[in-house]
Amino acid sequence: MAERTAFDYRHREPTGRLRRYVESIWYANGLSDFGSERIAPTGSTVLGIVLGDPIVQTPRNGAGESYEAERGFVIGPHDEPIVNAPSGVTRCFGIVTTAIGAKAALGFVPAPLRGRVVAASVWPAFETARASLVGSIDVERAIDWIDNRLRVDLNESEPALDRCELALTTLKENPATSTVDIAATLGISHGHLDREFGRVVGIGPRTLGRILRLRRLVESIDVFGTVTWTGLAAELGWFDQAHLIRDFKRFTGVTPTEYLSAQRQGYLHGDAEPGFVPDLSRRRDGQHPDV
């Protein structure tokens, strides 16, 4: 059995031009309390550089093809939860792109990776990055190295970036905005917007809007307080509570009630991770966090 270590998680939001394409650079080190967890989609592409024990990632809510990452992984854009299962002690650096950032920051088109997890070698700088980080002791300096490398390699040549970013901004402000209305505002056809989004983001604007609406929901609720699902459904544009429940289960893998239960039993107050569903049946210490 792996020796338990305190779990160290850090992240940094890039500044300047890189912020347009990269949401965060992160570091995780330690033994998770859970054998696995579901992680809801955010619209991002995620790259991990694995320096510890292998991590098994399974897309499509555990029904897709699993990938055991011994050296690194890329999680493509998806609209169902990923099942994340560390095999032991995690030591991993990661990059989370914005919805429009995969090609500009990491140098590959995200569309072929939709709903998949693949080797991190699709990032041209992966081998250099891993070799530079494998012996890192100073985590902040290692994150500096990743940040600098991303800035050096940044490629903003995609002609549809500005339009896709404007569409993304509209969806963040109002996730229920129709693709037809967004396309009209941009002066292009519905089909043209779908094609550009498919190339730059990897998923369509309608799907991304649903993901962003669910993300807004899970980030707004206090899982340890009283949650009024009917009111939230109306406030965020769902037709009714039944419609909310269907979308919630599609994107998180569980019902709203199951989500609250997993969060309350899995995390201490104030430590809950929006969109994460820990597998309580595989808790390593077998205890409630309050014990």
Protein backbone atom coordinates (compact mmCIF):
# COMPACT_ATOMS: atom_id res chain seq x y z
CA MET A 1 0.00 0.00 0.00
CA ALA A 2 1.30 3.46 -0.87
CA GLU A 3 2.41 5.54 2.10
CA ARG A 4 0.01 8.40 2.78
CA THR A 5 1.37 11.87 2.15
CA ALA A 6 -0.20 15.28 2.63
CA PHE A 7 -1.82 16.36 -0.62
CA ASP A 8 -0.27 19.50 -2.11
CA TYR A 9 -2.25 21.25 -4.82
CA ARG A 10 -1.21 24.60 -6.29
CA HIS A 11 -2.31 26.52 -9.34
CA ARG A 12 -1.45 29.76 -11.07
CA GLU A 13 -3.48 31.82 -13.50
CA PRO A 14 -1.24 33.16 -16.28
CA THR A 15 -1.06 36.89 -16.92
CA GLY A 16 -0.93 39.00 -20.04
CA ARG A 17 -1.53 37.54 -23.48
CA LEU A 18 -1.23 33.95 -22.29
CA ARG A 19 -4.34 34.38 -20.11
CA ARG A 20 -6.43 34.38 -23.29
CA TYR A 21 -5.45 30.76 -23.94
CA VAL A 22 -4.52 29.19 -20.61
CA GLU A 23 -6.79 29.16 -17.56
CA SER A 24 -4.27 27.69 -15.15
CA ILE A 25 -0.98 25.88 -14.66
CA TRP A 26 -1.19 23.48 -11.72
CA TYR A 27 0.77 21.04 -9.61
CA ALA A 28 -0.58 18.11 -7.58
CA ASN A 29 1.43 15.91 -5.24
CA GLY A 30 0.27 13.33 -2.72
CA LEU A 31 -2.14 10.47 -2.18
CA SER A 32 -5.77 11.30 -2.89
CA ASP A 33 -8.38 10.42 -0.28
CA PHE A 34 -10.35 8.65 -3.01
CA GLY A 35 -9.52 5.80 -5.36
CA SER A 36 -11.37 7.61 -8.12
CA GLU A 37 -13.56 10.61 -8.85
CA ARG A 38 -15.74 11.92 -11.63
CA ILE A 39 -14.79 15.33 -13.00
CA ALA A 40 -17.39 17.31 -14.94
CA PRO A 41 -16.37 18.98 -18.24
CA THR A 42 -15.54 22.68 -18.38
CA GLY A 43 -15.00 23.21 -22.12
CA SER A 44 -11.23 23.11 -21.65
CA THR A 45 -8.48 20.82 -22.90
CA VAL A 46 -6.23 19.52 -20.11
CA LEU A 47 -2.62 18.34 -20.35
CA GLY A 48 -0.86 16.49 -17.54
CA ILE A 49 2.87 15.75 -17.13
CA VAL A 50 3.02 12.68 -14.89
CA LEU A 51 6.10 12.39 -12.68
CA GLY A 52 4.65 10.08 -10.01
CA ASP A 53 2.61 6.88 -10.15
CA PRO A 54 0.46 6.29 -13.25
CA ILE A 55 -2.97 7.91 -13.49
CA VAL A 56 -5.85 6.17 -15.26
CA GLN A 57 -8.32 8.45 -17.05
CA THR A 58 -11.56 7.11 -18.54
CA PRO A 59 -13.77 9.44 -20.60
CA ARG A 60 -17.51 9.29 -21.26
CA ASN A 61 -18.42 8.80 -17.60
CA GLY A 62 -16.28 5.69 -17.37
CA ALA A 63 -17.69 4.08 -20.53
CA GLY A 64 -14.97 5.28 -22.93
CA GLU A 65 -11.53 3.91 -23.63
CA SER A 66 -9.27 4.19 -20.58
CA TYR A 67 -5.79 5.62 -20.84
CA GLU A 68 -3.13 4.75 -18.26
CA ALA A 69 -0.78 7.72 -18.18
CA GLU A 70 2.68 6.73 -17.06
CA ARG A 71 4.36 9.84 -18.49
CA GLY A 72 1.59 12.25 -19.47
CA PHE A 73 -1.92 12.66 -20.86
CA VAL A 74 -4.19 15.03 -22.75
CA ILE A 75 -7.91 15.12 -22.01
CA GLY A 76 -9.67 16.44 -25.09
CA PRO A 77 -12.82 18.57 -24.96
CA HIS A 78 -15.79 16.52 -23.80
CA ASP A 79 -19.39 16.81 -22.67
CA GLU A 80 -19.48 13.96 -20.15
CA PRO A 81 -17.48 13.45 -16.96
CA ILE A 82 -13.99 11.95 -16.90
CA VAL A 83 -13.29 9.24 -14.32
CA ASN A 84 -9.91 10.02 -12.77
CA ALA A 85 -8.21 7.14 -10.90
CA PRO A 86 -4.68 7.65 -9.55
CA SER A 87 -2.90 4.32 -9.08
CA GLY A 88 -0.84 5.61 -6.16
CA VAL A 89 0.94 8.80 -5.19
CA THR A 90 0.23 11.59 -7.65
CA ARG A 91 2.99 13.92 -8.78
CA CYS A 92 1.84 15.83 -11.80
CA PHE A 93 2.13 19.24 -13.45
CA GLY A 94 -0.81 20.31 -15.59
CA ILE A 95 -2.03 22.90 -18.06
CA VAL A 96 -5.71 23.80 -18.47
CA THR A 97 -6.47 25.73 -21.64
CA THR A 98 -9.34 28.09 -22.17
CA ALA A 99 -12.02 26.81 -24.54
CA ILE A 100 -10.23 28.51 -27.48
CA GLY A 101 -6.68 27.84 -26.30
CA ALA A 102 -5.62 24.32 -27.30
CA LYS A 103 -4.05 25.04 -30.67
CA ALA A 104 -2.64 28.46 -29.75
CA ALA A 105 -1.03 27.29 -26.49
CA LEU A 106 -0.35 23.60 -27.09
CA GLY A 107 0.01 23.40 -30.86
CA PHE A 108 -2.68 20.85 -31.74
CA VAL A 109 -6.24 20.99 -33.02
CA PRO A 110 -8.59 19.72 -30.28
CA ALA A 111 -11.42 18.39 -32.46
CA PRO A 112 -9.91 14.89 -33.08
CA LEU A 113 -9.49 14.49 -29.30
CA ARG A 114 -13.13 15.14 -28.42
CA GLY A 115 -14.26 12.65 -25.77
CA ARG A 116 -10.82 10.99 -25.67
CA VAL A 117 -7.73 10.79 -23.50
CA VAL A 118 -4.43 10.36 -25.34
CA ALA A 119 -0.68 10.53 -24.74
CA ALA A 120 0.72 13.98 -23.97
CA SER A 121 3.18 13.58 -26.83
CA VAL A 122 0.63 15.38 -29.05
CA TRP A 123 2.07 18.54 -27.43
CA PRO A 124 5.26 19.21 -29.43
CA ALA A 125 7.10 20.46 -26.32
CA PHE A 126 6.16 17.50 -24.11
CA GLU A 127 9.46 15.59 -24.09
CA THR A 128 11.46 18.76 -23.44
CA ALA A 129 9.05 19.81 -20.72
CA ARG A 130 9.06 16.47 -18.94
CA ALA A 131 12.85 16.23 -19.04
CA SER A 132 13.10 19.72 -17.55
CA LEU A 133 10.58 19.00 -14.77
CA VAL A 134 11.38 15.43 -13.76
CA GLY A 135 13.95 16.43 -11.13
CA SER A 136 12.23 19.64 -10.05
CA ILE A 137 12.32 20.42 -6.34
CA ASP A 138 11.17 24.04 -6.48
CA VAL A 139 7.56 23.84 -7.64
CA GLU A 140 7.15 27.55 -8.27
CA ARG A 141 10.23 27.65 -10.48
CA ALA A 142 8.90 24.63 -12.37
CA ILE A 143 5.60 26.43 -12.97
CA ASP A 144 7.64 29.44 -14.14
CA TRP A 145 9.37 27.17 -16.65
CA ILE A 146 6.02 25.93 -18.04
CA ASP A 147 4.65 29.47 -18.19
CA ASN A 148 7.70 30.71 -20.08
CA ARG A 149 7.66 27.79 -22.51
CA LEU A 150 4.00 28.40 -23.33
CA ARG A 151 4.73 32.07 -24.02
CA VAL A 152 7.64 31.25 -26.33
CA ASP A 153 5.58 28.73 -28.33
CA LEU A 154 2.33 30.73 -28.43
CA ASN A 155 0.82 30.72 -31.93
CA GLU A 156 -2.12 33.06 -32.57
CA SER A 157 -2.31 32.51 -36.33
CA GLU A 158 -5.76 30.84 -36.34
CA PRO A 159 -8.00 33.33 -38.24
CA ALA A 160 -11.17 32.32 -36.36
CA LEU A 161 -9.78 33.01 -32.88
CA ASP A 162 -11.39 36.43 -32.49
CA ARG A 163 -14.83 35.28 -33.64
CA CYS A 164 -14.72 32.19 -31.44
CA GLU A 165 -13.62 34.29 -28.48
CA LEU A 166 -16.52 36.72 -29.02
CA ALA A 167 -18.91 33.78 -29.19
CA LEU A 168 -17.36 32.34 -26.03
CA THR A 169 -17.78 35.67 -24.21
CA THR A 170 -21.46 35.74 -25.20
CA LEU A 171 -21.97 32.19 -23.92
CA LYS A 172 -20.26 32.97 -20.63
CA GLU A 173 -22.56 35.96 -20.14
CA ASN A 174 -25.67 34.02 -21.15
CA PRO A 175 -25.13 30.27 -21.75
CA ALA A 176 -28.66 29.91 -23.15
CA THR A 177 -27.97 32.25 -26.11
CA SER A 178 -28.83 30.43 -29.33
CA THR A 179 -26.16 29.62 -31.90
CA VAL A 180 -28.29 31.38 -34.53
CA ASP A 181 -28.28 34.62 -32.53
CA ILE A 182 -24.53 34.44 -31.89
CA ALA A 183 -23.81 33.80 -35.56
CA ALA A 184 -26.02 36.72 -36.61
CA THR A 185 -24.18 39.04 -34.21
CA LEU A 186 -20.86 37.94 -35.73
CA GLY A 187 -22.16 38.36 -39.28
CA ILE A 188 -21.65 34.72 -40.28
CA SER A 189 -23.94 31.76 -40.87
CA HIS A 190 -24.93 29.23 -38.23
CA GLY A 191 -23.06 26.53 -40.13
CA HIS A 192 -19.93 28.66 -40.44
CA LEU A 193 -19.88 29.25 -36.68
CA ASP A 194 -20.33 25.55 -35.99
CA ARG A 195 -17.40 24.67 -38.26
CA GLU A 196 -15.10 27.29 -36.74
CA PHE A 197 -16.03 26.27 -33.21
CA GLY A 198 -15.49 22.63 -34.06
CA ARG A 199 -11.96 23.40 -35.25
CA VAL A 200 -10.90 25.88 -32.54
CA VAL A 201 -12.82 24.64 -29.48
CA GLY A 202 -13.42 21.01 -30.39
CA ILE A 203 -17.11 21.04 -29.46
CA GLY A 204 -20.05 23.05 -30.82
CA PRO A 205 -21.29 26.32 -29.31
CA ARG A 206 -24.61 24.79 -28.24
CA THR A 207 -22.83 22.03 -26.33
CA LEU A 208 -20.39 24.49 -24.80
CA GLY A 209 -23.30 26.69 -23.69
CA ARG A 210 -24.82 23.75 -21.82
CA ILE A 211 -21.48 22.97 -20.18
CA LEU A 212 -21.00 26.61 -19.11
CA ARG A 213 -24.52 26.79 -17.69
CA LEU A 214 -23.96 23.65 -15.62
CA ARG A 215 -20.58 25.02 -14.54
CA ARG A 216 -22.21 28.23 -13.39
CA LEU A 217 -24.70 26.17 -11.41
CA VAL A 218 -22.17 24.01 -9.53
CA GLU A 219 -19.94 27.01 -8.83
CA SER A 220 -22.84 29.04 -7.41
CA ILE A 221 -24.29 26.55 -4.92
CA ASP A 222 -23.21 26.03 -1.33
CA VAL A 223 -23.24 22.23 -1.07
CA PHE A 224 -23.38 22.46 2.74
CA GLY A 225 -26.37 24.82 2.69
CA THR A 226 -29.94 24.59 1.45
CA VAL A 227 -30.13 24.23 -2.33
CA THR A 228 -33.41 25.15 -4.05
CA TRP A 229 -33.16 23.32 -7.35
CA THR A 230 -36.47 24.63 -8.72
CA GLY A 231 -35.39 28.23 -8.27
CA LEU A 232 -31.97 27.56 -9.79
CA ALA A 233 -33.56 25.86 -12.80
CA ALA A 234 -35.66 28.94 -13.53
CA GLU A 235 -32.85 31.41 -12.81
CA LEU A 236 -30.36 29.73 -15.13
CA GLY A 237 -32.73 29.04 -17.99
CA TRP A 238 -33.81 25.42 -17.64
CA PHE A 239 -37.42 24.76 -18.62
CA ASP A 240 -38.12 22.91 -15.38
CA GLN A 241 -36.44 20.88 -12.66
CA ALA A 242 -36.68 17.64 -14.67
CA HIS A 243 -34.73 19.28 -17.52
CA LEU A 244 -32.08 20.45 -15.05
CA ILE A 245 -31.74 16.95 -13.60
CA ARG A 246 -31.22 15.43 -17.05
CA ASP A 247 -28.48 17.90 -17.93
CA PHE A 248 -26.91 17.62 -14.47
CA LYS A 249 -26.63 13.85 -14.73
CA ARG A 250 -25.24 14.03 -18.25
CA PHE A 251 -22.43 16.40 -17.28
CA THR A 252 -21.60 15.14 -13.77
CA GLY A 253 -22.62 11.47 -13.99
CA VAL A 254 -24.93 11.74 -10.97
CA THR A 255 -28.20 13.37 -9.95
CA PRO A 256 -28.19 16.67 -8.04
CA THR A 257 -29.07 14.81 -4.82
CA GLU A 258 -26.23 12.33 -5.33
CA TYR A 259 -23.85 15.19 -6.08
CA LEU A 260 -24.66 16.99 -2.83
CA SER A 261 -24.28 13.76 -0.85
CA ALA A 262 -20.87 12.97 -2.38
CA GLN A 263 -19.60 16.52 -1.84
CA ARG A 264 -20.81 16.68 1.76
CA GLN A 265 -19.33 13.32 2.68
CA GLY A 266 -16.16 13.72 0.67
CA TYR A 267 -15.00 17.22 1.60
CA LEU A 268 -14.66 19.46 4.59
CA HIS A 269 -16.72 22.65 4.61
CA GLY A 270 -14.95 25.19 2.41
CA ASP A 271 -12.88 22.57 0.57
CA ALA A 272 -15.53 21.32 -1.87
CA GLU A 273 -14.41 21.20 -5.51
CA PRO A 274 -17.20 22.29 -7.92
CA GLY A 275 -17.87 19.61 -10.53
CA PHE A 276 -15.98 16.85 -8.67
CA VAL A 277 -17.79 13.70 -7.55
CA PRO A 278 -15.59 11.56 -5.26
CA ASP A 279 -16.24 7.82 -5.23
CA LEU A 280 -17.02 7.33 -1.55
CA SER A 281 -17.02 3.54 -1.90
CA ARG A 282 -13.30 3.75 -2.72
CA ARG A 283 -12.27 6.13 0.05
CA ARG A 284 -8.76 5.13 1.06
CA ASP A 285 -9.15 5.66 4.80
CA GLY A 286 -12.76 4.52 4.91
CA GLN A 287 -13.71 7.54 7.01
CA HIS A 288 -15.87 10.61 6.74
CA PRO A 289 -13.66 13.73 6.65
CA ASP A 290 -15.10 14.91 9.98
CA VAL A 291 -13.80 11.79 11.76
